[in-house]
Amino acid sequence: MTLIAGIGGHLSDAQQDNLAAGWASVYDDACQALSLDGFDQMQTTPAVAFPDVRPEHYVQLEGMAYTEIMAAVDYWFGRATEKQSWIKAELLCRESAYKDTIRETKHSLREDAKLRAAKKSELPSETELKEAAEREPYAVELSQRITFLLAQKEVLDGRIEALNRFAAGLSRQVTLRGQELELQGLGRGRGPGGPGRFGK
């Protein structure tokens, strides 16, 4: 049995605090830089409800009703993609912090084991080091936050795909109806008593 088996939480409180503060400042600095350029995170509640696009809308919507639902689709697409970008930004920082925490913990555990090992067989393997590092409290906290962000991103990915399909379907229907009206106009032009191709 090696010296590391079954242990965890090897980083001191000060080391954990330094890691947390360092990576928190990276994310905060990125947010602040974006804010100075006018890109603040959304704080307002939605201006309109998420669009309830139904199959019948592809054939029945006209005029103002079409404009309103397309405006809602555009609004929510922008809102969802913006939220997604902030989640990706935090996810990038948290994943980097997690990797750094694992690396620092493994290094600390490895050096400690070298000092205490009476023989080489007592030294921990890379797998044991990794498993012990993953039990580090700050690593567990980061892992939980990363999972939370990934879950949010998964839902947003689905919503953005749905909004893309809504917009494409509604736009395609307008194009088809425009073509249909054009063909109807041509048909009336060639009808009995109506002007022909050359106005005769």
N, C-alpha and C. Protein backbone atom coordinates (compact mmCIF):
# COMPACT_ATOMS: atom_id res chain seq x y z
N MET A 1 0.85 -1.20 0.00
CA MET A 1 0.00 0.00 0.00
C MET A 1 0.88 1.25 0.00
N THR A 2 0.55 2.20 -0.87
CA THR A 2 1.38 3.40 -0.94
C THR A 2 0.96 4.40 0.13
N LEU A 3 1.76 5.44 0.28
CA LEU A 3 1.53 6.43 1.33
C LEU A 3 0.33 7.33 1.05
N ILE A 4 -0.18 7.32 -0.18
CA ILE A 4 -1.21 8.27 -0.57
C ILE A 4 -2.61 7.66 -0.56
N ALA A 5 -2.70 6.35 -0.52
CA ALA A 5 -3.99 5.67 -0.68
C ALA A 5 -5.02 6.16 0.32
N GLY A 6 -6.19 6.57 -0.23
CA GLY A 6 -7.31 6.95 0.62
C GLY A 6 -7.26 8.35 1.18
N ILE A 7 -6.26 9.15 0.87
CA ILE A 7 -6.21 10.50 1.44
C ILE A 7 -6.70 11.53 0.44
N GLY A 8 -6.99 12.71 0.89
CA GLY A 8 -7.42 13.81 0.04
C GLY A 8 -7.33 15.10 0.83
N GLY A 9 -7.58 16.24 0.16
CA GLY A 9 -7.52 17.52 0.85
C GLY A 9 -6.12 17.89 1.28
N HIS A 10 -5.14 17.67 0.42
CA HIS A 10 -3.76 17.89 0.82
C HIS A 10 -3.36 19.36 0.78
N LEU A 11 -4.00 20.17 -0.07
CA LEU A 11 -3.64 21.58 -0.14
C LEU A 11 -4.07 22.31 1.13
N SER A 12 -3.23 23.21 1.58
CA SER A 12 -3.57 24.01 2.76
C SER A 12 -4.67 25.01 2.40
N ASP A 13 -5.30 25.58 3.42
CA ASP A 13 -6.33 26.60 3.17
C ASP A 13 -5.76 27.77 2.41
N ALA A 14 -4.52 28.14 2.73
CA ALA A 14 -3.88 29.27 2.06
C ALA A 14 -3.65 28.97 0.58
N GLN A 15 -3.22 27.75 0.28
CA GLN A 15 -3.00 27.36 -1.11
C GLN A 15 -4.32 27.36 -1.89
N GLN A 16 -5.37 26.85 -1.26
CA GLN A 16 -6.68 26.85 -1.91
C GLN A 16 -7.16 28.27 -2.15
N ASP A 17 -6.99 29.12 -1.17
CA ASP A 17 -7.43 30.51 -1.30
C ASP A 17 -6.67 31.22 -2.42
N ASN A 18 -5.37 30.95 -2.51
CA ASN A 18 -4.56 31.58 -3.56
C ASN A 18 -5.00 31.14 -4.96
N LEU A 19 -5.26 29.84 -5.09
CA LEU A 19 -5.73 29.33 -6.38
C LEU A 19 -7.08 29.93 -6.74
N ALA A 20 -8.00 29.95 -5.78
CA ALA A 20 -9.34 30.47 -6.02
C ALA A 20 -9.30 31.95 -6.37
N ALA A 21 -8.52 32.71 -5.63
CA ALA A 21 -8.44 34.15 -5.87
C ALA A 21 -7.80 34.45 -7.23
N GLY A 22 -6.76 33.68 -7.57
CA GLY A 22 -6.08 33.90 -8.84
C GLY A 22 -6.98 33.69 -10.03
N TRP A 23 -7.72 32.58 -10.03
CA TRP A 23 -8.58 32.29 -11.17
C TRP A 23 -9.85 33.12 -11.16
N ALA A 24 -10.33 33.50 -9.99
CA ALA A 24 -11.50 34.38 -9.91
C ALA A 24 -11.17 35.74 -10.52
N SER A 25 -9.95 36.20 -10.28
CA SER A 25 -9.55 37.51 -10.82
C SER A 25 -9.45 37.47 -12.35
N VAL A 26 -9.06 36.32 -12.91
CA VAL A 26 -9.00 36.19 -14.37
C VAL A 26 -10.38 36.40 -14.97
N TYR A 27 -11.37 35.72 -14.41
CA TYR A 27 -12.75 35.83 -14.92
C TYR A 27 -13.29 37.23 -14.68
N ASP A 28 -13.06 37.77 -13.48
CA ASP A 28 -13.56 39.11 -13.16
C ASP A 28 -12.93 40.16 -14.06
N ASP A 29 -11.63 40.03 -14.32
CA ASP A 29 -10.94 40.99 -15.19
C ASP A 29 -11.48 40.93 -16.61
N ALA A 30 -11.78 39.71 -17.08
CA ALA A 30 -12.34 39.55 -18.43
C ALA A 30 -13.71 40.21 -18.52
N CYS A 31 -14.55 40.00 -17.49
CA CYS A 31 -15.89 40.61 -17.46
C CYS A 31 -15.80 42.13 -17.40
N GLN A 32 -14.86 42.63 -16.60
CA GLN A 32 -14.70 44.08 -16.46
C GLN A 32 -14.24 44.71 -17.78
N ALA A 33 -13.30 44.04 -18.46
CA ALA A 33 -12.81 44.56 -19.74
C ALA A 33 -13.94 44.62 -20.77
N LEU A 34 -14.79 43.60 -20.79
CA LEU A 34 -15.93 43.60 -21.70
C LEU A 34 -16.93 44.68 -21.33
N SER A 35 -17.14 44.87 -20.02
CA SER A 35 -18.08 45.89 -19.55
C SER A 35 -17.63 47.28 -19.97
N LEU A 36 -16.33 47.53 -19.91
CA LEU A 36 -15.80 48.83 -20.31
C LEU A 36 -16.02 49.10 -21.80
N ASP A 37 -16.14 48.03 -22.57
CA ASP A 37 -16.43 48.16 -24.01
C ASP A 37 -17.93 48.16 -24.28
N GLY A 38 -18.74 48.14 -23.21
CA GLY A 38 -20.18 48.21 -23.38
C GLY A 38 -20.89 46.87 -23.39
N PHE A 39 -20.14 45.78 -23.14
CA PHE A 39 -20.75 44.45 -23.16
C PHE A 39 -20.97 43.95 -21.72
N ASP A 40 -22.07 44.39 -21.12
CA ASP A 40 -22.42 43.95 -19.77
C ASP A 40 -23.23 42.67 -19.84
N GLN A 41 -23.18 41.91 -18.76
CA GLN A 41 -24.03 40.72 -18.69
C GLN A 41 -25.49 41.13 -18.54
N MET A 42 -26.39 40.34 -19.10
CA MET A 42 -27.82 40.64 -19.03
C MET A 42 -28.29 40.55 -17.59
N GLN A 43 -28.98 41.59 -17.14
CA GLN A 43 -29.55 41.61 -15.80
C GLN A 43 -31.07 41.74 -15.83
N THR A 44 -31.61 42.11 -16.98
CA THR A 44 -33.04 42.35 -17.08
C THR A 44 -33.82 41.06 -17.29
N THR A 45 -35.08 41.09 -16.91
CA THR A 45 -35.97 39.98 -17.20
C THR A 45 -36.36 40.04 -18.68
N PRO A 46 -36.74 38.92 -19.27
CA PRO A 46 -37.09 38.92 -20.70
C PRO A 46 -38.19 39.93 -21.03
N ALA A 47 -38.02 40.61 -22.16
CA ALA A 47 -39.01 41.60 -22.59
C ALA A 47 -40.25 40.93 -23.17
N VAL A 48 -40.07 39.76 -23.74
CA VAL A 48 -41.19 39.00 -24.31
C VAL A 48 -41.04 37.53 -23.93
N ALA A 49 -42.15 36.80 -23.97
CA ALA A 49 -42.11 35.38 -23.65
C ALA A 49 -41.40 34.61 -24.77
N PHE A 50 -40.86 33.44 -24.41
CA PHE A 50 -40.22 32.60 -25.42
C PHE A 50 -41.26 32.24 -26.48
N PRO A 51 -40.93 32.40 -27.77
CA PRO A 51 -41.92 32.18 -28.83
C PRO A 51 -42.48 30.77 -28.86
N ASP A 52 -43.80 30.70 -28.91
CA ASP A 52 -44.49 29.41 -28.98
C ASP A 52 -44.86 29.16 -30.45
N VAL A 53 -43.88 28.67 -31.20
CA VAL A 53 -44.09 28.44 -32.63
C VAL A 53 -44.71 27.07 -32.83
N ARG A 54 -45.86 27.04 -33.52
CA ARG A 54 -46.59 25.79 -33.75
C ARG A 54 -46.64 25.50 -35.26
N PRO A 55 -46.93 24.26 -35.62
CA PRO A 55 -46.96 23.90 -37.05
C PRO A 55 -47.88 24.80 -37.87
N GLU A 56 -49.03 25.16 -37.31
CA GLU A 56 -49.98 25.97 -38.08
C GLU A 56 -49.45 27.38 -38.38
N HIS A 57 -48.48 27.83 -37.58
CA HIS A 57 -47.92 29.16 -37.82
C HIS A 57 -47.19 29.24 -39.16
N TYR A 58 -46.70 28.12 -39.63
CA TYR A 58 -45.96 28.13 -40.88
C TYR A 58 -46.86 28.38 -42.09
N VAL A 59 -48.16 28.26 -41.90
CA VAL A 59 -49.07 28.47 -43.03
C VAL A 59 -50.11 29.56 -42.77
N GLN A 60 -50.27 29.97 -41.51
CA GLN A 60 -51.34 30.90 -41.18
C GLN A 60 -50.88 32.31 -40.85
N LEU A 61 -49.63 32.47 -40.46
CA LEU A 61 -49.17 33.79 -40.02
C LEU A 61 -49.04 34.77 -41.18
N GLU A 62 -49.54 35.97 -40.97
CA GLU A 62 -49.43 37.02 -41.97
C GLU A 62 -49.24 38.36 -41.27
N GLY A 63 -48.76 39.32 -42.02
CA GLY A 63 -48.70 40.70 -41.56
C GLY A 63 -48.06 40.89 -40.20
N MET A 64 -48.79 41.61 -39.33
CA MET A 64 -48.25 41.97 -38.02
C MET A 64 -47.99 40.74 -37.15
N ALA A 65 -48.85 39.72 -37.25
CA ALA A 65 -48.66 38.51 -36.45
C ALA A 65 -47.33 37.86 -36.80
N TYR A 66 -47.01 37.82 -38.08
CA TYR A 66 -45.72 37.25 -38.52
C TYR A 66 -44.57 38.10 -37.99
N THR A 67 -44.71 39.42 -38.12
CA THR A 67 -43.66 40.33 -37.65
C THR A 67 -43.40 40.16 -36.16
N GLU A 68 -44.46 40.04 -35.39
CA GLU A 68 -44.32 39.92 -33.94
C GLU A 68 -43.62 38.62 -33.54
N ILE A 69 -44.00 37.51 -34.16
CA ILE A 69 -43.39 36.24 -33.76
C ILE A 69 -41.95 36.15 -34.24
N MET A 70 -41.64 36.73 -35.40
CA MET A 70 -40.25 36.75 -35.87
C MET A 70 -39.39 37.65 -34.98
N ALA A 71 -39.99 38.75 -34.50
CA ALA A 71 -39.27 39.63 -33.59
C ALA A 71 -38.95 38.90 -32.29
N ALA A 72 -39.91 38.08 -31.81
CA ALA A 72 -39.68 37.31 -30.58
C ALA A 72 -38.60 36.26 -30.80
N VAL A 73 -38.61 35.61 -31.95
CA VAL A 73 -37.59 34.61 -32.28
C VAL A 73 -36.21 35.27 -32.31
N ASP A 74 -36.11 36.43 -32.97
CA ASP A 74 -34.83 37.15 -33.04
C ASP A 74 -34.35 37.59 -31.66
N TYR A 75 -35.29 38.09 -30.87
CA TYR A 75 -34.94 38.56 -29.52
C TYR A 75 -34.39 37.42 -28.67
N TRP A 76 -35.07 36.29 -28.69
CA TRP A 76 -34.63 35.17 -27.86
C TRP A 76 -33.37 34.50 -28.40
N PHE A 77 -33.19 34.55 -29.71
CA PHE A 77 -31.94 34.02 -30.27
C PHE A 77 -30.76 34.85 -29.76
N GLY A 78 -30.92 36.17 -29.79
CA GLY A 78 -29.86 37.04 -29.28
C GLY A 78 -29.63 36.84 -27.80
N ARG A 79 -30.71 36.71 -27.04
CA ARG A 79 -30.60 36.52 -25.59
C ARG A 79 -29.93 35.19 -25.26
N ALA A 80 -30.33 34.13 -25.97
CA ALA A 80 -29.78 32.81 -25.70
C ALA A 80 -28.30 32.72 -26.08
N THR A 81 -27.94 33.27 -27.22
CA THR A 81 -26.54 33.21 -27.65
C THR A 81 -25.65 34.06 -26.75
N GLU A 82 -26.19 35.19 -26.26
CA GLU A 82 -25.40 36.00 -25.34
C GLU A 82 -25.17 35.27 -24.02
N LYS A 83 -26.24 34.68 -23.50
CA LYS A 83 -26.12 33.90 -22.25
C LYS A 83 -25.14 32.75 -22.45
N GLN A 84 -25.21 32.11 -23.59
CA GLN A 84 -24.31 30.99 -23.90
C GLN A 84 -22.86 31.46 -23.90
N SER A 85 -22.61 32.64 -24.44
CA SER A 85 -21.22 33.14 -24.51
C SER A 85 -20.66 33.41 -23.12
N TRP A 86 -21.48 33.94 -22.21
CA TRP A 86 -21.01 34.18 -20.85
C TRP A 86 -20.74 32.87 -20.12
N ILE A 87 -21.59 31.88 -20.37
CA ILE A 87 -21.38 30.56 -19.76
C ILE A 87 -20.09 29.94 -20.27
N LYS A 88 -19.85 30.04 -21.57
CA LYS A 88 -18.61 29.50 -22.14
C LYS A 88 -17.39 30.20 -21.55
N ALA A 89 -17.49 31.51 -21.33
CA ALA A 89 -16.37 32.26 -20.77
C ALA A 89 -16.05 31.80 -19.36
N GLU A 90 -17.10 31.65 -18.53
CA GLU A 90 -16.86 31.18 -17.16
C GLU A 90 -16.37 29.73 -17.17
N LEU A 91 -16.94 28.94 -18.06
CA LEU A 91 -16.53 27.53 -18.16
C LEU A 91 -15.05 27.41 -18.49
N LEU A 92 -14.58 28.25 -19.40
CA LEU A 92 -13.16 28.25 -19.76
C LEU A 92 -12.29 28.53 -18.54
N CYS A 93 -12.68 29.52 -17.74
CA CYS A 93 -11.90 29.87 -16.55
C CYS A 93 -11.96 28.77 -15.49
N ARG A 94 -13.15 28.21 -15.27
CA ARG A 94 -13.29 27.17 -14.25
C ARG A 94 -12.54 25.89 -14.64
N GLU A 95 -12.57 25.54 -15.91
CA GLU A 95 -11.84 24.35 -16.35
C GLU A 95 -10.33 24.55 -16.22
N SER A 96 -9.87 25.76 -16.51
CA SER A 96 -8.44 26.05 -16.34
C SER A 96 -8.06 26.01 -14.86
N ALA A 97 -8.93 26.54 -14.01
CA ALA A 97 -8.68 26.50 -12.57
C ALA A 97 -8.65 25.06 -12.06
N TYR A 98 -9.54 24.23 -12.58
CA TYR A 98 -9.58 22.82 -12.17
C TYR A 98 -8.28 22.11 -12.55
N LYS A 99 -7.83 22.31 -13.78
CA LYS A 99 -6.58 21.69 -14.22
C LYS A 99 -5.41 22.16 -13.36
N ASP A 100 -5.38 23.45 -13.05
CA ASP A 100 -4.31 24.01 -12.23
C ASP A 100 -4.35 23.41 -10.82
N THR A 101 -5.54 23.26 -10.28
CA THR A 101 -5.69 22.69 -8.93
C THR A 101 -5.21 21.23 -8.90
N ILE A 102 -5.59 20.47 -9.90
CA ILE A 102 -5.16 19.07 -9.97
C ILE A 102 -3.64 18.99 -10.09
N ARG A 103 -3.07 19.83 -10.92
CA ARG A 103 -1.62 19.83 -11.12
C ARG A 103 -0.88 20.20 -9.82
N GLU A 104 -1.34 21.26 -9.15
CA GLU A 104 -0.70 21.72 -7.92
C GLU A 104 -0.84 20.66 -6.82
N THR A 105 -2.00 20.05 -6.73
CA THR A 105 -2.23 19.04 -5.69
C THR A 105 -1.37 17.80 -5.92
N LYS A 106 -1.30 17.35 -7.17
CA LYS A 106 -0.46 16.20 -7.50
C LYS A 106 1.00 16.47 -7.16
N HIS A 107 1.45 17.67 -7.49
CA HIS A 107 2.84 18.03 -7.20
C HIS A 107 3.09 18.01 -5.69
N SER A 108 2.17 18.59 -4.93
CA SER A 108 2.31 18.64 -3.47
C SER A 108 2.31 17.24 -2.87
N LEU A 109 1.40 16.40 -3.34
CA LEU A 109 1.31 15.03 -2.85
C LEU A 109 2.56 14.23 -3.21
N ARG A 110 3.04 14.42 -4.43
CA ARG A 110 4.22 13.68 -4.89
C ARG A 110 5.45 14.04 -4.05
N GLU A 111 5.65 15.33 -3.80
CA GLU A 111 6.81 15.77 -3.02
C GLU A 111 6.72 15.30 -1.57
N ASP A 112 5.51 15.33 -1.03
CA ASP A 112 5.31 14.87 0.34
C ASP A 112 5.60 13.37 0.46
N ALA A 113 5.15 12.61 -0.55
CA ALA A 113 5.37 11.17 -0.54
C ALA A 113 6.85 10.83 -0.64
N LYS A 114 7.59 11.61 -1.41
CA LYS A 114 9.03 11.38 -1.55
C LYS A 114 9.74 11.54 -0.22
N LEU A 115 9.29 12.50 0.57
CA LEU A 115 9.93 12.75 1.87
C LEU A 115 9.61 11.65 2.87
N ARG A 116 8.41 11.04 2.74
CA ARG A 116 7.97 10.06 3.74
C ARG A 116 8.21 8.61 3.34
N ALA A 117 8.47 8.37 2.06
CA ALA A 117 8.60 6.98 1.60
C ALA A 117 9.94 6.37 2.04
N ALA A 118 9.85 5.19 2.61
CA ALA A 118 11.06 4.48 3.02
C ALA A 118 11.62 3.69 1.85
N LYS A 119 10.79 3.35 0.90
CA LYS A 119 11.24 2.61 -0.28
C LYS A 119 10.41 3.04 -1.49
N LYS A 120 10.92 2.77 -2.67
CA LYS A 120 10.30 3.23 -3.91
C LYS A 120 8.89 2.67 -4.10
N SER A 121 8.65 1.46 -3.63
CA SER A 121 7.35 0.83 -3.81
C SER A 121 6.24 1.56 -3.06
N GLU A 122 6.62 2.41 -2.11
CA GLU A 122 5.63 3.18 -1.35
C GLU A 122 5.21 4.46 -2.07
N LEU A 123 5.94 4.80 -3.12
CA LEU A 123 5.60 6.03 -3.86
C LEU A 123 4.29 5.82 -4.63
N PRO A 124 3.43 6.83 -4.67
CA PRO A 124 2.13 6.71 -5.35
C PRO A 124 2.27 6.70 -6.86
N SER A 125 1.38 6.01 -7.51
CA SER A 125 1.34 6.00 -8.98
C SER A 125 0.65 7.27 -9.46
N GLU A 126 0.71 7.54 -10.77
CA GLU A 126 0.05 8.71 -11.33
C GLU A 126 -1.47 8.61 -11.15
N THR A 127 -2.00 7.41 -11.24
CA THR A 127 -3.44 7.22 -11.04
C THR A 127 -3.85 7.56 -9.62
N GLU A 128 -3.05 7.11 -8.65
CA GLU A 128 -3.34 7.41 -7.25
C GLU A 128 -3.23 8.91 -6.98
N LEU A 129 -2.24 9.53 -7.56
CA LEU A 129 -2.08 10.98 -7.40
C LEU A 129 -3.29 11.73 -7.96
N LYS A 130 -3.72 11.32 -9.15
CA LYS A 130 -4.86 11.97 -9.81
C LYS A 130 -6.13 11.79 -8.99
N GLU A 131 -6.38 10.58 -8.51
CA GLU A 131 -7.59 10.31 -7.73
C GLU A 131 -7.58 11.10 -6.42
N ALA A 132 -6.43 11.20 -5.78
CA ALA A 132 -6.33 11.96 -4.54
C ALA A 132 -6.54 13.45 -4.81
N ALA A 133 -5.98 13.94 -5.92
CA ALA A 133 -6.12 15.35 -6.28
C ALA A 133 -7.58 15.70 -6.57
N GLU A 134 -8.30 14.74 -7.14
CA GLU A 134 -9.72 14.99 -7.47
C GLU A 134 -10.59 15.05 -6.22
N ARG A 135 -10.08 14.53 -5.11
CA ARG A 135 -10.80 14.62 -3.84
C ARG A 135 -10.51 15.91 -3.09
N GLU A 136 -9.57 16.67 -3.60
CA GLU A 136 -9.25 17.98 -3.00
C GLU A 136 -10.53 18.83 -2.95
N PRO A 137 -10.88 19.41 -1.79
CA PRO A 137 -12.13 20.17 -1.66
C PRO A 137 -12.34 21.23 -2.73
N TYR A 138 -11.31 22.00 -3.05
CA TYR A 138 -11.48 23.04 -4.06
C TYR A 138 -11.69 22.41 -5.43
N ALA A 139 -11.04 21.28 -5.70
CA ALA A 139 -11.24 20.59 -6.98
C ALA A 139 -12.68 20.08 -7.08
N VAL A 140 -13.22 19.57 -5.97
CA VAL A 140 -14.61 19.09 -5.95
C VAL A 140 -15.56 20.26 -6.20
N GLU A 141 -15.30 21.39 -5.57
CA GLU A 141 -16.13 22.59 -5.76
C GLU A 141 -16.12 23.03 -7.22
N LEU A 142 -14.93 23.04 -7.81
CA LEU A 142 -14.81 23.43 -9.22
C LEU A 142 -15.52 22.44 -10.13
N SER A 143 -15.37 21.16 -9.83
CA SER A 143 -16.00 20.13 -10.64
C SER A 143 -17.53 20.28 -10.63
N GLN A 144 -18.08 20.59 -9.47
CA GLN A 144 -19.52 20.78 -9.36
C GLN A 144 -19.97 22.01 -10.15
N ARG A 145 -19.19 23.09 -10.09
CA ARG A 145 -19.53 24.30 -10.84
C ARG A 145 -19.44 24.05 -12.34
N ILE A 146 -18.42 23.33 -12.77
CA ILE A 146 -18.26 23.01 -14.18
C ILE A 146 -19.45 22.19 -14.68
N THR A 147 -19.87 21.21 -13.89
CA THR A 147 -21.02 20.39 -14.27
C THR A 147 -22.28 21.24 -14.38
N PHE A 148 -22.46 22.17 -13.45
CA PHE A 148 -23.61 23.08 -13.48
C PHE A 148 -23.60 23.91 -14.76
N LEU A 149 -22.45 24.45 -15.12
CA LEU A 149 -22.34 25.28 -16.33
C LEU A 149 -22.57 24.45 -17.59
N LEU A 150 -22.04 23.23 -17.60
CA LEU A 150 -22.24 22.35 -18.76
C LEU A 150 -23.72 22.00 -18.93
N ALA A 151 -24.43 21.82 -17.81
CA ALA A 151 -25.86 21.52 -17.88
C ALA A 151 -26.62 22.71 -18.47
N GLN A 152 -26.27 23.91 -18.04
CA GLN A 152 -26.91 25.11 -18.59
C GLN A 152 -26.61 25.25 -20.08
N LYS A 153 -25.37 25.01 -20.45
CA LYS A 153 -24.97 25.13 -21.84
C LYS A 153 -25.73 24.12 -22.71
N GLU A 154 -25.94 22.92 -22.18
CA GLU A 154 -26.65 21.89 -22.93
C GLU A 154 -28.08 22.33 -23.25
N VAL A 155 -28.74 22.92 -22.27
CA VAL A 155 -30.11 23.40 -22.49
C VAL A 155 -30.12 24.55 -23.49
N LEU A 156 -29.18 25.48 -23.35
CA LEU A 156 -29.11 26.62 -24.26
C LEU A 156 -28.81 26.17 -25.68
N ASP A 157 -27.95 25.18 -25.83
CA ASP A 157 -27.66 24.66 -27.17
C ASP A 157 -28.94 24.19 -27.85
N GLY A 158 -29.78 23.49 -27.08
CA GLY A 158 -31.04 23.01 -27.63
C GLY A 158 -31.98 24.14 -27.99
N ARG A 159 -32.06 25.16 -27.13
CA ARG A 159 -32.93 26.30 -27.41
C ARG A 159 -32.46 27.08 -28.64
N ILE A 160 -31.16 27.25 -28.75
CA ILE A 160 -30.62 27.99 -29.90
C ILE A 160 -30.89 27.23 -31.20
N GLU A 161 -30.74 25.92 -31.16
CA GLU A 161 -31.06 25.10 -32.33
C GLU A 161 -32.54 25.23 -32.69
N ALA A 162 -33.41 25.23 -31.68
CA ALA A 162 -34.85 25.37 -31.93
C ALA A 162 -35.16 26.73 -32.54
N LEU A 163 -34.54 27.78 -32.02
CA LEU A 163 -34.77 29.13 -32.55
C LEU A 163 -34.28 29.25 -33.99
N ASN A 164 -33.16 28.63 -34.28
CA ASN A 164 -32.66 28.61 -35.66
C ASN A 164 -33.66 27.95 -36.60
N ARG A 165 -34.22 26.84 -36.13
CA ARG A 165 -35.20 26.11 -36.95
C ARG A 165 -36.49 26.92 -37.10
N PHE A 166 -36.92 27.59 -36.02
CA PHE A 166 -38.11 28.44 -36.11
C PHE A 166 -37.91 29.51 -37.18
N ALA A 167 -36.79 30.21 -37.09
CA ALA A 167 -36.53 31.31 -38.01
C ALA A 167 -36.45 30.82 -39.45
N ALA A 168 -35.76 29.70 -39.65
CA ALA A 168 -35.62 29.15 -41.00
C ALA A 168 -36.97 28.71 -41.56
N GLY A 169 -37.78 28.06 -40.72
CA GLY A 169 -39.08 27.58 -41.16
C GLY A 169 -40.02 28.71 -41.50
N LEU A 170 -40.07 29.74 -40.64
CA LEU A 170 -40.94 30.88 -40.89
C LEU A 170 -40.50 31.66 -42.13
N SER A 171 -39.20 31.86 -42.28
CA SER A 171 -38.68 32.59 -43.45
C SER A 171 -38.96 31.81 -44.74
N ARG A 172 -38.77 30.49 -44.67
CA ARG A 172 -39.02 29.66 -45.85
C ARG A 172 -40.49 29.72 -46.26
N GLN A 173 -41.37 29.75 -45.25
CA GLN A 173 -42.80 29.80 -45.56
C GLN A 173 -43.18 31.12 -46.24
N VAL A 174 -42.57 32.21 -45.78
CA VAL A 174 -42.84 33.51 -46.41
C VAL A 174 -42.37 33.50 -47.86
N THR A 175 -41.20 32.91 -48.10
CA THR A 175 -40.68 32.83 -49.47
C THR A 175 -41.60 32.01 -50.36
N LEU A 176 -42.06 30.87 -49.84
CA LEU A 176 -42.95 30.00 -50.61
C LEU A 176 -44.28 30.69 -50.90
N ARG A 177 -44.81 31.41 -49.92
CA ARG A 177 -46.08 32.10 -50.14
C ARG A 177 -45.92 33.24 -51.13
N GLY A 178 -44.76 33.89 -51.10
CA GLY A 178 -44.50 34.94 -52.08
C GLY A 178 -44.46 34.36 -53.49
N GLN A 179 -43.81 33.22 -53.62
CA GLN A 179 -43.75 32.57 -54.93
C GLN A 179 -45.14 32.12 -55.38
N GLU A 180 -45.94 31.64 -54.42
CA GLU A 180 -47.30 31.20 -54.74
C GLU A 180 -48.15 32.37 -55.25
N LEU A 181 -48.03 33.53 -54.58
CA LEU A 181 -48.79 34.71 -55.01
C LEU A 181 -48.33 35.18 -56.38
N GLU A 182 -47.04 35.09 -56.62
CA GLU A 182 -46.51 35.49 -57.93
C GLU A 182 -47.06 34.59 -59.03
N LEU A 183 -47.10 33.28 -58.75
CA LEU A 183 -47.64 32.34 -59.73
C LEU A 183 -49.13 32.56 -59.96
N GLN A 184 -49.85 32.88 -58.89
CA GLN A 184 -51.27 33.17 -59.03
C GLN A 184 -51.50 34.40 -59.89
N GLY A 185 -50.62 35.40 -59.71
CA GLY A 185 -50.73 36.60 -60.52
C GLY A 185 -50.48 36.32 -61.98
N LEU A 186 -49.48 35.47 -62.26
CA LEU A 186 -49.20 35.10 -63.65
C LEU A 186 -50.35 34.32 -64.23
N GLY A 187 -50.96 33.45 -63.39
CA GLY A 187 -52.09 32.65 -63.86
C GLY A 187 -53.27 33.52 -64.22
N ARG A 188 -53.52 34.53 -63.41
CA ARG A 188 -54.64 35.42 -63.71
C ARG A 188 -54.37 36.21 -64.99
N GLY A 189 -53.11 36.51 -65.23
CA GLY A 189 -52.75 37.27 -66.44
C GLY A 189 -53.01 36.48 -67.69
N ARG A 190 -52.93 35.15 -67.63
CA ARG A 190 -53.13 34.31 -68.80
C ARG A 190 -54.57 33.78 -68.90
N GLY A 191 -55.41 34.13 -67.90
CA GLY A 191 -56.76 33.58 -67.87
C GLY A 191 -57.65 34.13 -68.97
N PRO A 192 -58.85 33.56 -69.09
CA PRO A 192 -59.79 34.00 -70.13
C PRO A 192 -60.10 35.48 -70.02
N GLY A 193 -59.94 36.18 -71.11
CA GLY A 193 -60.24 37.59 -71.15
C GLY A 193 -59.16 38.46 -70.57
N GLY A 194 -58.15 37.88 -70.00
CA GLY A 194 -57.08 38.67 -69.41
C GLY A 194 -55.96 38.88 -70.37
N PRO A 195 -55.03 39.81 -70.06
CA PRO A 195 -53.91 40.05 -70.96
C PRO A 195 -52.98 38.85 -71.01
N GLY A 196 -52.43 38.58 -72.15
CA GLY A 196 -51.51 37.47 -72.32
C GLY A 196 -50.12 37.91 -71.96
N ARG A 197 -49.14 37.11 -72.40
CA ARG A 197 -47.74 37.38 -72.05
C ARG A 197 -47.28 38.74 -72.57
N PHE A 198 -47.79 39.14 -73.71
CA PHE A 198 -47.34 40.39 -74.30
C PHE A 198 -48.42 41.46 -74.19
N GLY A 199 -49.40 41.26 -73.32
CA GLY A 199 -50.41 42.26 -73.10
C GLY A 199 -51.50 42.26 -74.15
N LYS A 200 -51.60 41.19 -74.89
CA LYS A 200 -52.63 41.12 -75.92
C LYS A 200 -53.74 40.19 -75.50
